[in-house]
């Protein structure tokens, strides 16, 4: 829906060339996304890879990333406030 609104706004502003380029880029992206889906769901697997051996450090890193992702998804307000504070401080410091 976001792309639709952007393209319709570009057309209303008489930026036809920009809307055409955007639609063509979206078609190319859709081709690549659908190609991945085809390989995932509609092709026979080439071979079984078996179990994946991971070191304990990889497991710790994955758990930290999953925890951060869930935290940012469930409580985005804290992350947005932190980003706003940091960007405000940077603008005050470098904006002089």
C-alpha atoms as a PDB file:
ATOM      1  CA  UNK A   1       0.000   0.000   0.000  1.00  0.00           C
ATOM      2  CA  UNK A   2       2.889   2.336   0.726  1.00  0.00           C
ATOM      3  CA  UNK A   3       4.243   2.006  -2.792  1.00  0.00           C
ATOM      4  CA  UNK A   4       0.780   2.606  -4.218  1.00  0.00           C
ATOM      5  CA  UNK A   5       0.469   5.882  -2.299  1.00  0.00           C
ATOM      6  CA  UNK A   6       3.941   6.992  -3.329  1.00  0.00           C
ATOM      7  CA  UNK A   7       3.329   6.208  -7.005  1.00  0.00           C
ATOM      8  CA  UNK A   8      -0.103   7.864  -7.021  1.00  0.00           C
ATOM      9  CA  UNK A   9       1.366  10.981  -5.399  1.00  0.00           C
ATOM     10  CA  UNK A  10       4.127  11.057  -8.002  1.00  0.00           C
ATOM     11  CA  UNK A  11       1.524  10.825 -10.778  1.00  0.00           C
ATOM     12  CA  UNK A  12      -0.597  13.585  -9.219  1.00  0.00           C
ATOM     13  CA  UNK A  13       2.520  15.789  -9.088  1.00  0.00           C
ATOM     14  CA  UNK A  14       3.133  15.043 -12.809  1.00  0.00           C
ATOM     15  CA  UNK A  15       6.312  13.044 -12.141  1.00  0.00           C
ATOM     16  CA  UNK A  16       5.293  10.310 -14.567  1.00  0.00           C
ATOM     17  CA  UNK A  17       8.871   9.241 -15.260  1.00  0.00           C
ATOM     18  CA  UNK A  18       9.491   8.731 -11.547  1.00  0.00           C
ATOM     19  CA  UNK A  19       6.345   6.617 -11.161  1.00  0.00           C
ATOM     20  CA  UNK A  20       7.308   4.501 -14.191  1.00  0.00           C
ATOM     21  CA  UNK A  21      10.811   3.892 -12.802  1.00  0.00           C
ATOM     22  CA  UNK A  22       9.303   2.982  -9.423  1.00  0.00           C
ATOM     23  CA  UNK A  23       6.849   0.525 -10.933  1.00  0.00           C
ATOM     24  CA  UNK A  24       9.575  -1.095 -13.036  1.00  0.00           C
ATOM     25  CA  UNK A  25      11.814  -1.435  -9.966  1.00  0.00           C
ATOM     26  CA  UNK A  26       8.911  -2.980  -8.057  1.00  0.00           C
ATOM     27  CA  UNK A  27       8.376  -5.507 -10.844  1.00  0.00           C
ATOM     28  CA  UNK A  28      12.047  -6.489 -10.789  1.00  0.00           C
ATOM     29  CA  UNK A  29      11.932  -6.838  -6.994  1.00  0.00           C
ATOM     30  CA  UNK A  30       8.751  -8.929  -7.191  1.00  0.00           C
ATOM     31  CA  UNK A  31      10.463 -11.263  -9.651  1.00  0.00           C
ATOM     32  CA  UNK A  32      13.301 -11.901  -7.202  1.00  0.00           C
ATOM     33  CA  UNK A  33      10.964 -12.310  -4.215  1.00  0.00           C
ATOM     34  CA  UNK A  34       8.701 -14.726  -6.082  1.00  0.00           C
ATOM     35  CA  UNK A  35      11.702 -16.672  -7.304  1.00  0.00           C
ATOM     36  CA  UNK A  36      12.779 -17.320  -3.713  1.00  0.00           C
ATOM     37  CA  UNK A  37       9.253 -18.471  -2.869  1.00  0.00           C
ATOM     38  CA  UNK A  38       9.274 -20.817  -5.850  1.00  0.00           C
ATOM     39  CA  UNK A  39      12.502 -22.441  -4.668  1.00  0.00           C
ATOM     40  CA  UNK A  40      11.252 -22.668  -1.093  1.00  0.00           C
ATOM     41  CA  UNK A  41       7.836 -24.186  -1.686  1.00  0.00           C
ATOM     42  CA  UNK A  42       7.501 -25.569  -5.206  1.00  0.00           C
ATOM     43  CA  UNK A  43      10.824 -27.272  -5.923  1.00  0.00           C
ATOM     44  CA  UNK A  44      12.061 -30.598  -4.670  1.00  0.00           C
ATOM     45  CA  UNK A  45      14.927 -30.296  -2.206  1.00  0.00           C
ATOM     46  CA  UNK A  46      18.323 -31.016  -3.705  1.00  0.00           C
ATOM     47  CA  UNK A  47      19.744 -32.824  -0.703  1.00  0.00           C
ATOM     48  CA  UNK A  48      19.281 -33.078   3.033  1.00  0.00           C
ATOM     49  CA  UNK A  49      21.808 -30.939   4.900  1.00  0.00           C
ATOM     50  CA  UNK A  50      21.229 -32.607   8.258  1.00  0.00           C
ATOM     51  CA  UNK A  51      21.904 -30.966  11.587  1.00  0.00           C
ATOM     52  CA  UNK A  52      23.831 -27.715  11.762  1.00  0.00           C
ATOM     53  CA  UNK A  53      26.738 -27.602  14.189  1.00  0.00           C
ATOM     54  CA  UNK A  54      26.945 -24.249  15.949  1.00  0.00           C
ATOM     55  CA  UNK A  55      29.404 -23.088  18.528  1.00  0.00           C
ATOM     56  CA  UNK A  56      28.035 -21.781  21.832  1.00  0.00           C
ATOM     57  CA  UNK A  57      29.141 -18.261  20.840  1.00  0.00           C
ATOM     58  CA  UNK A  58      26.833 -18.349  17.801  1.00  0.00           C
ATOM     59  CA  UNK A  59      23.941 -19.439  20.008  1.00  0.00           C
ATOM     60  CA  UNK A  60      24.598 -16.525  22.388  1.00  0.00           C
ATOM     61  CA  UNK A  61      24.720 -14.028  19.507  1.00  0.00           C
ATOM     62  CA  UNK A  62      21.488 -15.395  18.014  1.00  0.00           C
ATOM     63  CA  UNK A  63      19.735 -15.217  21.387  1.00  0.00           C
ATOM     64  CA  UNK A  64      20.867 -11.602  21.888  1.00  0.00           C
ATOM     65  CA  UNK A  65      19.617 -10.662  18.404  1.00  0.00           C
ATOM     66  CA  UNK A  66      16.266 -12.395  18.893  1.00  0.00           C
ATOM     67  CA  UNK A  67      15.812 -10.747  22.290  1.00  0.00           C
ATOM     68  CA  UNK A  68      16.619  -7.301  20.859  1.00  0.00           C
ATOM     69  CA  UNK A  69      14.279  -7.874  17.923  1.00  0.00           C
ATOM     70  CA  UNK A  70      11.404  -8.924  20.163  1.00  0.00           C
ATOM     71  CA  UNK A  71      12.035  -6.002  22.520  1.00  0.00           C
ATOM     72  CA  UNK A  72      12.010  -3.497  19.653  1.00  0.00           C
ATOM     73  CA  UNK A  73       8.884  -5.094  18.207  1.00  0.00           C
ATOM     74  CA  UNK A  74       6.924  -5.245  21.455  1.00  0.00           C
ATOM     75  CA  UNK A  75       8.159  -2.008  23.086  1.00  0.00           C
ATOM     76  CA  UNK A  76       9.172   0.291  20.221  1.00  0.00           C
ATOM     77  CA  UNK A  77       8.522   3.444  22.271  1.00  0.00           C
ATOM     78  CA  UNK A  78      11.697   3.013  24.316  1.00  0.00           C
ATOM     79  CA  UNK A  79      13.845   2.492  21.234  1.00  0.00           C
ATOM     80  CA  UNK A  80      12.267   5.467  19.427  1.00  0.00           C
ATOM     81  CA  UNK A  81      12.782   7.727  22.444  1.00  0.00           C
ATOM     82  CA  UNK A  82      16.419   6.661  22.648  1.00  0.00           C
ATOM     83  CA  UNK A  83      16.895   7.370  18.939  1.00  0.00           C
ATOM     84  CA  UNK A  84      15.204  10.747  19.272  1.00  0.00           C
ATOM     85  CA  UNK A  85      17.401  11.700  22.221  1.00  0.00           C
ATOM     86  CA  UNK A  86      20.592  10.603  20.487  1.00  0.00           C
ATOM     87  CA  UNK A  87      19.732  12.369  17.230  1.00  0.00           C
ATOM     88  CA  UNK A  88      18.798  15.550  19.132  1.00  0.00           C
ATOM     89  CA  UNK A  89      22.115  15.482  20.959  1.00  0.00           C
ATOM     90  CA  UNK A  90      24.021  14.924  17.722  1.00  0.00           C
ATOM     91  CA  UNK A  91      22.216  17.782  16.024  1.00  0.00           C
ATOM     92  CA  UNK A  92      22.955  20.132  18.934  1.00  0.00           C
ATOM     93  CA  UNK A  93      26.590  19.066  19.030  1.00  0.00           C
ATOM     94  CA  UNK A  94      27.348  19.166  15.293  1.00  0.00           C
ATOM     95  CA  UNK A  95      24.778  21.792  14.338  1.00  0.00           C
ATOM     96  CA  UNK A  96      26.770  24.666  15.832  1.00  0.00           C
END
